[in-house]
Protein backbone atom coordinates (compact mmCIF):
# COMPACT_ATOMS: atom_id res chain seq x y z
CA MET A 1 105.15 70.15 92.96
CA ILE A 2 104.21 72.71 90.17
CA ARG A 3 103.42 75.50 92.43
CA ILE A 4 106.93 74.95 94.45
CA VAL A 5 108.85 75.08 90.91
CA ALA A 6 106.81 78.12 89.72
CA ASN A 7 107.68 79.83 93.32
CA TRP A 8 111.41 79.07 92.99
CA PHE A 9 111.46 80.36 89.38
CA LEU A 10 109.59 83.44 90.45
CA ASN A 11 111.94 84.06 93.54
CA ALA A 12 114.83 83.40 91.04
CA LEU A 13 113.51 86.02 88.93
CA ALA A 14 113.03 88.45 91.74
CA LEU A 15 116.65 87.87 92.78
CA TYR A 16 117.65 88.93 89.20
CA LEU A 17 115.50 92.09 89.17
CA VAL A 18 117.03 93.17 92.71
CA THR A 19 120.20 92.90 90.74
CA TYR A 20 119.55 95.62 88.49
CA ILE A 21 117.68 97.59 91.03
CA VAL A 22 120.64 97.67 93.66
CA PRO A 23 123.92 98.26 92.84
CA GLY A 24 125.73 96.30 95.03
CA VAL A 25 123.92 92.96 94.44
CA ARG A 26 125.46 91.00 91.64
CA VAL A 27 124.21 87.90 90.02
CA ASP A 28 126.14 86.42 86.88
CA GLY A 29 123.19 84.65 85.58
CA PHE A 30 119.78 83.29 85.92
CA GLY A 31 121.20 79.79 86.91
CA ALA A 32 123.32 81.33 89.68
CA ALA A 33 120.17 83.22 90.67
CA LEU A 34 118.06 79.94 90.86
CA TRP A 35 120.98 78.64 93.00
CA ALA A 36 121.09 81.66 95.37
CA ILE A 37 117.43 81.50 95.83
CA ILE A 38 118.00 77.69 96.98
CA ILE A 39 120.77 78.83 99.31
CA ILE A 40 118.63 81.56 100.59
CA SER A 41 115.73 79.52 101.40
CA PHE A 42 117.84 77.20 103.23
CA LEU A 43 119.31 79.79 105.33
CA ASN A 44 116.11 81.24 105.88
CA ALA A 45 114.78 78.19 107.19
CA ILE A 46 117.75 76.82 109.32
CA ILE A 47 119.43 79.73 110.50
CA ARG A 48 117.21 82.81 110.67
CA PRO A 49 114.86 81.27 113.11
CA VAL A 50 117.90 80.40 115.66
CA LEU A 51 119.18 84.18 114.92
CA ILE A 52 115.67 85.36 115.69
CA ILE A 53 115.54 83.57 118.97
CA LEU A 54 119.29 84.69 119.98
CA THR A 55 118.40 88.53 119.40
CA LEU A 56 115.13 88.63 120.47
CA PRO A 57 115.79 91.31 123.44
CA ILE A 58 117.58 93.33 120.82
CA THR A 59 114.46 92.79 118.16
CA ILE A 60 111.99 93.87 120.83
CA LEU A 61 114.37 97.00 122.11
CA THR A 62 114.11 97.83 118.33
CA LEU A 63 110.47 97.18 117.70
CA GLY A 64 111.17 94.33 115.40
CA LEU A 65 113.67 96.53 112.97
CA PHE A 66 116.82 94.30 113.96
CA VAL A 67 115.15 91.57 111.62
CA PHE A 68 115.94 93.51 108.88
CA ILE A 69 119.63 93.24 110.09
CA ILE A 70 119.36 89.63 110.39
CA ASN A 71 117.68 89.07 106.82
CA ALA A 72 121.09 91.43 105.09
CA LEU A 73 123.36 89.25 107.30
CA LEU A 74 121.86 86.04 105.67
CA LEU A 75 121.99 87.46 102.16
CA LEU A 76 125.60 88.85 102.92
CA LEU A 77 126.32 85.06 103.79
CA ALA A 78 124.30 83.69 100.98
CA GLY A 79 126.41 85.70 98.89
CA SER A 80 129.66 84.50 100.21
CA ILE A 81 128.69 81.04 99.72
CA THR A 82 127.07 80.86 96.56
CA PRO A 83 129.29 80.91 93.31
CA GLY A 84 128.03 83.43 90.84
CA PHE A 85 126.00 85.63 93.48
CA HIS A 86 127.63 88.71 95.22
CA VAL A 87 126.65 91.03 97.74
CA TYR A 88 129.03 94.04 98.23
CA GLY A 89 128.54 95.33 101.81
CA LEU A 90 126.09 95.29 104.50
CA GLY A 91 124.33 98.53 103.27
CA SER A 92 123.83 96.66 100.00
CA ALA A 93 122.63 93.57 101.51
CA LEU A 94 119.83 95.86 103.69
CA ILE A 95 118.52 97.54 100.79
CA GLY A 96 118.71 94.19 98.51
CA SER A 97 116.84 92.16 100.93
CA ILE A 98 114.15 94.89 101.38
CA VAL A 99 113.92 95.22 97.56
CA LEU A 100 113.82 91.21 97.35
CA THR A 101 110.91 90.97 99.73
CA LEU A 102 109.04 93.67 97.93
CA ILE A 103 109.33 92.08 94.81
CA THR A 104 108.71 88.42 96.01
CA MET A 105 105.76 90.05 97.58
CA LEU A 106 104.15 91.51 94.56
CA PHE A 107 104.91 88.60 92.56
CA GLN A 108 103.02 86.31 95.05
CA ARG A 109 100.17 88.78 94.92
CA LEU A 110 100.10 88.47 91.06
CA VAL A 111 100.22 84.79 91.17
CA LYS A 112 96.89 84.40 93.47
């Protein structure tokens, strides 16, 4: 249970850091970042597998690069659902999702 809460906190911190790196991503506070991570995690667990299966031919054709677009679209969707979390445009969502993934991976390595 402690590991789940720590993971949630680190992911929210990563999202909060993304707002300082990517100009088109904005979070109104750390509490909004916590809620945004919950929404992003839910979307990644429920909607992302369906989108990956539906877009499998495009993903294979682009050698897996279309998954970046799926991640960006889910970040845009989370930005439109979550109060206090805003993503302005697909380009910002694409860069934001890549930076969020990299920071999260870095935090995971530091924790282990």
